[in-house]
PDB file of N, CA and C in Angstrom:
ATOM      1  N   MET A   1      -2.921  -0.543   5.413  1.00  0.00           N
ATOM      2  CA  MET A   1      -1.815  -1.205   4.737  1.00  0.00           C
ATOM      3  C   MET A   1      -0.593  -1.276   5.651  1.00  0.00           C
ATOM      4  N   PHE A   2      -0.326  -0.163   6.342  1.00  0.00           N
ATOM      5  CA  PHE A   2       0.828  -0.169   7.239  1.00  0.00           C
ATOM      6  C   PHE A   2       0.662  -1.223   8.325  1.00  0.00           C
ATOM      7  N   GLU A   3      -0.557  -1.378   8.804  1.00  0.00           N
ATOM      8  CA  GLU A   3      -0.810  -2.363   9.847  1.00  0.00           C
ATOM      9  C   GLU A   3      -0.492  -3.778   9.365  1.00  0.00           C
ATOM     10  N   LEU A   4      -0.851  -4.076   8.117  1.00  0.00           N
ATOM     11  CA  LEU A   4      -0.561  -5.392   7.542  1.00  0.00           C
ATOM     12  C   LEU A   4       0.945  -5.623   7.454  1.00  0.00           C
ATOM     13  N   VAL A   5       1.667  -4.646   6.937  1.00  0.00           N
ATOM     14  CA  VAL A   5       3.120  -4.777   6.789  1.00  0.00           C
ATOM     15  C   VAL A   5       3.779  -4.914   8.153  1.00  0.00           C
ATOM     16  N   SER A   6       3.327  -4.128   9.114  1.00  0.00           N
ATOM     17  CA  SER A   6       3.880  -4.196  10.463  1.00  0.00           C
ATOM     18  C   SER A   6       3.602  -5.554  11.103  1.00  0.00           C
ATOM     19  N   TRP A   7       2.379  -6.062  10.933  1.00  0.00           N
ATOM     20  CA  TRP A   7       2.026  -7.365  11.492  1.00  0.00           C
ATOM     21  C   TRP A   7       2.865  -8.478  10.877  1.00  0.00           C
ATOM     22  N   LEU A   8       3.037  -8.430   9.556  1.00  0.00           N
ATOM     23  CA  LEU A   8       3.859  -9.451   8.892  1.00  0.00           C
ATOM     24  C   LEU A   8       5.300  -9.398   9.388  1.00  0.00           C
ATOM     25  N   ASN A   9       5.775  -8.203   9.693  1.00  0.00           N
ATOM     26  CA  ASN A   9       7.130  -8.064  10.227  1.00  0.00           C
ATOM     27  C   ASN A   9       7.226  -8.710  11.602  1.00  0.00           C
ATOM     28  N   LYS A  10       6.231  -8.472  12.454  1.00  0.00           N
ATOM     29  CA  LYS A  10       6.256  -9.028  13.813  1.00  0.00           C
ATOM     30  C   LYS A  10       6.033 -10.537  13.822  1.00  0.00           C
ATOM     31  N   GLU A  11       5.064 -11.002  13.062  1.00  0.00           N
ATOM     32  CA  GLU A  11       4.686 -12.421  13.099  1.00  0.00           C
ATOM     33  C   GLU A  11       5.604 -13.319  12.284  1.00  0.00           C
ATOM     34  N   PHE A  12       6.049 -12.847  11.119  1.00  0.00           N
ATOM     35  CA  PHE A  12       6.800 -13.695  10.203  1.00  0.00           C
ATOM     36  C   PHE A  12       8.179 -13.157   9.853  1.00  0.00           C
ATOM     37  N   GLU A  13       8.587 -12.045  10.516  1.00  0.00           N
ATOM     38  CA  GLU A  13       9.892 -11.427  10.292  1.00  0.00           C
ATOM     39  C   GLU A  13      10.101 -11.017   8.839  1.00  0.00           C
ATOM     40  N   VAL A  14       9.031 -10.575   8.180  1.00  0.00           N
ATOM     41  CA  VAL A  14       9.124 -10.082   6.806  1.00  0.00           C
ATOM     42  C   VAL A  14       9.676  -8.668   6.868  1.00  0.00           C
ATOM     43  N   GLN A  15      10.727  -8.412   6.086  1.00  0.00           N
ATOM     44  CA  GLN A  15      11.315  -7.080   6.062  1.00  0.00           C
ATOM     45  C   GLN A  15      10.275  -6.053   5.635  1.00  0.00           C
ATOM     46  N   MET A  16      10.411  -4.854   6.122  1.00  0.00           N
ATOM     47  CA  MET A  16       9.455  -3.797   5.803  1.00  0.00           C
ATOM     48  C   MET A  16       9.959  -2.949   4.631  1.00  0.00           C
ATOM     49  N   ASN A  17      10.449  -3.589   3.593  1.00  0.00           N
ATOM     50  CA  ASN A  17      11.043  -2.892   2.449  1.00  0.00           C
ATOM     51  C   ASN A  17      10.047  -2.683   1.311  1.00  0.00           C
ATOM     52  N   ILE A  18       8.808  -2.397   1.631  1.00  0.00           N
ATOM     53  CA  ILE A  18       7.775  -2.239   0.619  1.00  0.00           C
ATOM     54  C   ILE A  18       7.359  -0.768   0.549  1.00  0.00           C
ATOM     55  N   ASP A  19       7.096  -0.295  -0.655  1.00  0.00           N
ATOM     56  CA  ASP A  19       6.619   1.073  -0.846  1.00  0.00           C
ATOM     57  C   ASP A  19       5.102   1.052  -0.709  1.00  0.00           C
ATOM     58  N   ILE A  20       4.614   1.386   0.467  1.00  0.00           N
ATOM     59  CA  ILE A  20       3.186   1.307   0.774  1.00  0.00           C
ATOM     60  C   ILE A  20       2.378   2.237  -0.125  1.00  0.00           C
ATOM     61  N   MET A  21       2.948   3.347  -0.518  1.00  0.00           N
ATOM     62  CA  MET A  21       2.224   4.337  -1.321  1.00  0.00           C
ATOM     63  C   MET A  21       1.840   3.802  -2.700  1.00  0.00           C
ATOM     64  N   ARG A  22       2.454   2.700  -3.139  1.00  0.00           N
ATOM     65  CA  ARG A  22       2.083   2.095  -4.422  1.00  0.00           C
ATOM     66  C   ARG A  22       0.748   1.361  -4.329  1.00  0.00           C
ATOM     67  N   TYR A  23       0.336   1.032  -3.101  1.00  0.00           N
ATOM     68  CA  TYR A  23      -0.851   0.206  -2.905  1.00  0.00           C
ATOM     69  C   TYR A  23      -2.042   0.930  -2.297  1.00  0.00           C
ATOM     70  N   ALA A  24      -1.811   2.028  -1.636  1.00  0.00           N
ATOM     71  CA  ALA A  24      -2.915   2.723  -0.960  1.00  0.00           C
ATOM     72  C   ALA A  24      -2.573   4.196  -0.788  1.00  0.00           C
ATOM     73  N   PRO A  25      -3.592   5.035  -0.750  1.00  0.00           N
ATOM     74  CA  PRO A  25      -3.327   6.458  -0.550  1.00  0.00           C
ATOM     75  C   PRO A  25      -2.852   6.738   0.874  1.00  0.00           C
ATOM     76  N   ALA A  26      -2.175   7.843   1.022  1.00  0.00           N
ATOM     77  CA  ALA A  26      -1.759   8.258   2.355  1.00  0.00           C
ATOM     78  C   ALA A  26      -2.999   8.634   3.165  1.00  0.00           C
ATOM     79  N   GLU A  27      -2.936   8.401   4.438  1.00  0.00           N
ATOM     80  CA  GLU A  27      -4.054   8.776   5.297  1.00  0.00           C
ATOM     81  C   GLU A  27      -3.926  10.261   5.607  1.00  0.00           C
ATOM     82  N   THR A  28      -4.778  11.047   4.968  1.00  0.00           N
ATOM     83  CA  THR A  28      -4.746  12.490   5.148  1.00  0.00           C
ATOM     84  C   THR A  28      -6.100  12.972   5.646  1.00  0.00           C
ATOM     85  N   PRO A  29      -6.119  14.120   6.306  1.00  0.00           N
ATOM     86  CA  PRO A  29      -7.416  14.635   6.762  1.00  0.00           C
ATOM     87  C   PRO A  29      -8.253  15.129   5.583  1.00  0.00           C
ATOM     88  N   PHE A  30      -9.532  15.089   5.742  1.00  0.00           N
ATOM     89  CA  PHE A  30     -10.493  15.605   4.773  1.00  0.00           C
ATOM     90  C   PHE A  30     -10.374  14.969   3.385  1.00  0.00           C
ATOM     91  N   PRO A  31     -10.493  13.663   3.289  1.00  0.00           N
ATOM     92  CA  PRO A  31     -10.357  13.020   1.971  1.00  0.00           C
ATOM     93  C   PRO A  31     -11.441  13.462   0.981  1.00  0.00           C
ATOM     94  N   LYS A  32     -12.626  13.748   1.465  1.00  0.00           N
ATOM     95  CA  LYS A  32     -13.709  14.184   0.560  1.00  0.00           C
ATOM     96  C   LYS A  32     -13.387  15.546  -0.052  1.00  0.00           C
ATOM     97  N   VAL A  33     -12.758  16.423   0.705  1.00  0.00           N
ATOM     98  CA  VAL A  33     -12.374  17.744   0.182  1.00  0.00           C
ATOM     99  C   VAL A  33     -11.324  17.576  -0.910  1.00  0.00           C
ATOM    100  N   ARG A  34     -10.367  16.719  -0.665  1.00  0.00           N
ATOM    101  CA  ARG A  34      -9.328  16.474  -1.682  1.00  0.00           C
ATOM    102  C   ARG A  34      -9.951  15.896  -2.950  1.00  0.00           C
ATOM    103  N   GLN A  35     -10.915  15.009  -2.787  1.00  0.00           N
ATOM    104  CA  GLN A  35     -11.594  14.412  -3.935  1.00  0.00           C
ATOM    105  C   GLN A  35     -12.367  15.482  -4.712  1.00  0.00           C
ATOM    106  N   LEU A  36     -13.007  16.381  -4.028  1.00  0.00           N
ATOM    107  CA  LEU A  36     -13.739  17.472  -4.667  1.00  0.00           C
ATOM    108  C   LEU A  36     -12.788  18.381  -5.446  1.00  0.00           C
ATOM    109  N   ILE A  37     -11.663  18.705  -4.853  1.00  0.00           N
ATOM    110  CA  ILE A  37     -10.680  19.554  -5.536  1.00  0.00           C
ATOM    111  C   ILE A  37     -10.159  18.866  -6.791  1.00  0.00           C
ATOM    112  N   ARG A  38      -9.925  17.562  -6.721  1.00  0.00           N
ATOM    113  CA  ARG A  38      -9.473  16.818  -7.904  1.00  0.00           C
ATOM    114  C   ARG A  38     -10.510  16.905  -9.017  1.00  0.00           C
ATOM    115  N   ARG A  39     -11.775  16.773  -8.656  1.00  0.00           N
ATOM    116  CA  ARG A  39     -12.838  16.853  -9.664  1.00  0.00           C
ATOM    117  C   ARG A  39     -12.937  18.253 -10.253  1.00  0.00           C
ATOM    118  N   LEU A  40     -12.848  19.271  -9.413  1.00  0.00           N
ATOM    119  CA  LEU A  40     -12.960  20.653  -9.883  1.00  0.00           C
ATOM    120  C   LEU A  40     -11.862  21.018 -10.881  1.00  0.00           C
ATOM    121  N   PHE A  41     -10.666  20.504 -10.633  1.00  0.00           N
ATOM    122  CA  PHE A  41      -9.542  20.819 -11.507  1.00  0.00           C
ATOM    123  C   PHE A  41      -9.262  19.726 -12.532  1.00  0.00           C
ATOM    124  N   SER A  42     -10.186  18.814 -12.686  1.00  0.00           N
ATOM    125  CA  SER A  42     -10.094  17.706 -13.654  1.00  0.00           C
ATOM    126  C   SER A  42      -8.801  16.908 -13.504  1.00  0.00           C
ATOM    127  N   LEU A  43      -8.429  16.667 -12.282  1.00  0.00           N
ATOM    128  CA  LEU A  43      -7.244  15.848 -12.014  1.00  0.00           C
ATOM    129  C   LEU A  43      -7.666  14.389 -11.900  1.00  0.00           C
ATOM    130  N   ASN A  44      -6.872  13.512 -12.442  1.00  0.00           N
ATOM    131  CA  ASN A  44      -7.179  12.079 -12.374  1.00  0.00           C
ATOM    132  C   ASN A  44      -6.971  11.562 -10.967  1.00  0.00           C
ATOM    133  N   GLU A  45      -7.782  10.607 -10.613  1.00  0.00           N
ATOM    134  CA  GLU A  45      -7.594   9.923  -9.340  1.00  0.00           C
ATOM    135  C   GLU A  45      -6.337   9.065  -9.448  1.00  0.00           C
ATOM    136  N   PRO A  46      -5.543   9.005  -8.394  1.00  0.00           N
ATOM    137  CA  PRO A  46      -4.339   8.176  -8.466  1.00  0.00           C
ATOM    138  C   PRO A  46      -4.703   6.692  -8.588  1.00  0.00           C
ATOM    139  N   LEU A  47      -3.914   5.971  -9.347  1.00  0.00           N
ATOM    140  CA  LEU A  47      -4.116   4.530  -9.499  1.00  0.00           C
ATOM    141  C   LEU A  47      -3.151   3.806  -8.575  1.00  0.00           C
ATOM    142  N   PHE A  48      -3.654   2.766  -7.955  1.00  0.00           N
ATOM    143  CA  PHE A  48      -2.831   2.002  -7.030  1.00  0.00           C
ATOM    144  C   PHE A  48      -2.712   0.566  -7.510  1.00  0.00           C
ATOM    145  N   LYS A  49      -1.565  -0.011  -7.232  1.00  0.00           N
ATOM    146  CA  LYS A  49      -1.313  -1.399  -7.596  1.00  0.00           C
ATOM    147  C   LYS A  49      -2.102  -2.312  -6.653  1.00  0.00           C
ATOM    148  N   SER A  50      -2.548  -3.433  -7.164  1.00  0.00           N
ATOM    149  CA  SER A  50      -3.312  -4.380  -6.368  1.00  0.00           C
ATOM    150  C   SER A  50      -2.365  -5.302  -5.604  1.00  0.00           C
ATOM    151  N   LEU A  51      -2.598  -5.441  -4.309  1.00  0.00           N
ATOM    152  CA  LEU A  51      -1.818  -6.360  -3.489  1.00  0.00           C
ATOM    153  C   LEU A  51      -2.595  -7.657  -3.399  1.00  0.00           C
ATOM    154  N   LYS A  52      -2.026  -8.708  -3.925  1.00  0.00           N
ATOM    155  CA  LYS A  52      -2.709 -10.003  -3.985  1.00  0.00           C
ATOM    156  C   LYS A  52      -2.252 -10.900  -2.833  1.00  0.00           C
ATOM    157  N   VAL A  53      -3.081 -11.864  -2.517  1.00  0.00           N
ATOM    158  CA  VAL A  53      -2.749 -12.816  -1.455  1.00  0.00           C
ATOM    159  C   VAL A  53      -1.459 -13.544  -1.796  1.00  0.00           C
ATOM    160  N   ARG A  54      -1.270 -13.872  -3.074  1.00  0.00           N
ATOM    161  CA  ARG A  54      -0.034 -14.579  -3.450  1.00  0.00           C
ATOM    162  C   ARG A  54       1.201 -13.721  -3.195  1.00  0.00           C
ATOM    163  N   ASP A  55       1.076 -12.381  -3.286  1.00  0.00           N
ATOM    164  CA  ASP A  55       2.194 -11.482  -2.968  1.00  0.00           C
ATOM    165  C   ASP A  55       2.527 -11.562  -1.476  1.00  0.00           C
ATOM    166  N   VAL A  56       1.485 -11.608  -0.648  1.00  0.00           N
ATOM    167  CA  VAL A  56       1.692 -11.704   0.798  1.00  0.00           C
ATOM    168  C   VAL A  56       2.328 -13.042   1.152  1.00  0.00           C
ATOM    169  N   ILE A  57       1.846 -14.122   0.558  1.00  0.00           N
ATOM    170  CA  ILE A  57       2.415 -15.454   0.822  1.00  0.00           C
ATOM    171  C   ILE A  57       3.866 -15.523   0.367  1.00  0.00           C
ATOM    172  N   ALA A  58       4.161 -14.974  -0.802  1.00  0.00           N
ATOM    173  CA  ALA A  58       5.543 -14.949  -1.300  1.00  0.00           C
ATOM    174  C   ALA A  58       6.447 -14.156  -0.362  1.00  0.00           C
ATOM    175  N   ALA A  59       5.940 -13.050   0.180  1.00  0.00           N
ATOM    176  CA  ALA A  59       6.722 -12.245   1.123  1.00  0.00           C
ATOM    177  C   ALA A  59       7.008 -13.025   2.397  1.00  0.00           C
ATOM    178  N   ILE A  60       6.014 -13.760   2.891  1.00  0.00           N
ATOM    179  CA  ILE A  60       6.213 -14.562   4.099  1.00  0.00           C
ATOM    180  C   ILE A  60       7.254 -15.642   3.854  1.00  0.00           C
ATOM    181  N   GLU A  61       7.163 -16.317   2.724  1.00  0.00           N
ATOM    182  CA  GLU A  61       8.115 -17.393   2.419  1.00  0.00           C
ATOM    183  C   GLU A  61       9.530 -16.872   2.226  1.00  0.00           C
ATOM    184  N   ALA A  62       9.666 -15.695   1.591  1.00  0.00           N
ATOM    185  CA  ALA A  62      10.994 -15.147   1.306  1.00  0.00           C
ATOM    186  C   ALA A  62      11.512 -14.268   2.451  1.00  0.00           C
ATOM    187  N   LYS A  63      10.658 -13.963   3.433  1.00  0.00           N
ATOM    188  CA  LYS A  63      11.003 -13.076   4.538  1.00  0.00           C
ATOM    189  C   LYS A  63      11.287 -11.649   4.080  1.00  0.00           C
ATOM    190  N   ARG A  64      10.837 -11.315   2.885  1.00  0.00           N
ATOM    191  CA  ARG A  64      10.984  -9.952   2.352  1.00  0.00           C
ATOM    192  C   ARG A  64       9.979  -9.792   1.224  1.00  0.00           C
ATOM    193  N   TRP A  65       9.653  -8.541   0.911  1.00  0.00           N
ATOM    194  CA  TRP A  65       8.728  -8.280  -0.188  1.00  0.00           C
ATOM    195  C   TRP A  65       9.477  -8.407  -1.508  1.00  0.00           C
ATOM    196  N   PRO A  66       8.846  -8.982  -2.508  1.00  0.00           N
ATOM    197  CA  PRO A  66       9.490  -9.054  -3.823  1.00  0.00           C
ATOM    198  C   PRO A  66       9.808  -7.644  -4.337  1.00  0.00           C
ATOM    199  N   ASP A  67      10.838  -7.519  -5.148  1.00  0.00           N
ATOM    200  CA  ASP A  67      11.251  -6.209  -5.668  1.00  0.00           C
ATOM    201  C   ASP A  67      10.158  -5.545  -6.476  1.00  0.00           C
ATOM    202  N   ASP A  68       9.351  -6.330  -7.195  1.00  0.00           N
ATOM    203  CA  ASP A  68       8.294  -5.746  -8.024  1.00  0.00           C
ATOM    204  C   ASP A  68       6.999  -5.568  -7.252  1.00  0.00           C
ATOM    205  N   ALA A  69       6.958  -5.950  -5.982  1.00  0.00           N
ATOM    206  CA  ALA A  69       5.734  -5.795  -5.180  1.00  0.00           C
ATOM    207  C   ALA A  69       5.613  -4.384  -4.669  1.00  0.00           C
TER     208      ALA A  69
END
């Protein structure tokens, strides 16, 4: 996700004012271990918002990410 936002900034000058954590998990070591711990303690998996192509196109046209994106 960060790579996409960074590329859009370089290619289309889209501001990097987006909360990436709303769309994808942080890249952490041992994701399978974290998943196992979540299951053991009956913790819900985090839900992430879907990033649609129309959101990316709107960001390119506006040169910034929409506030609700």
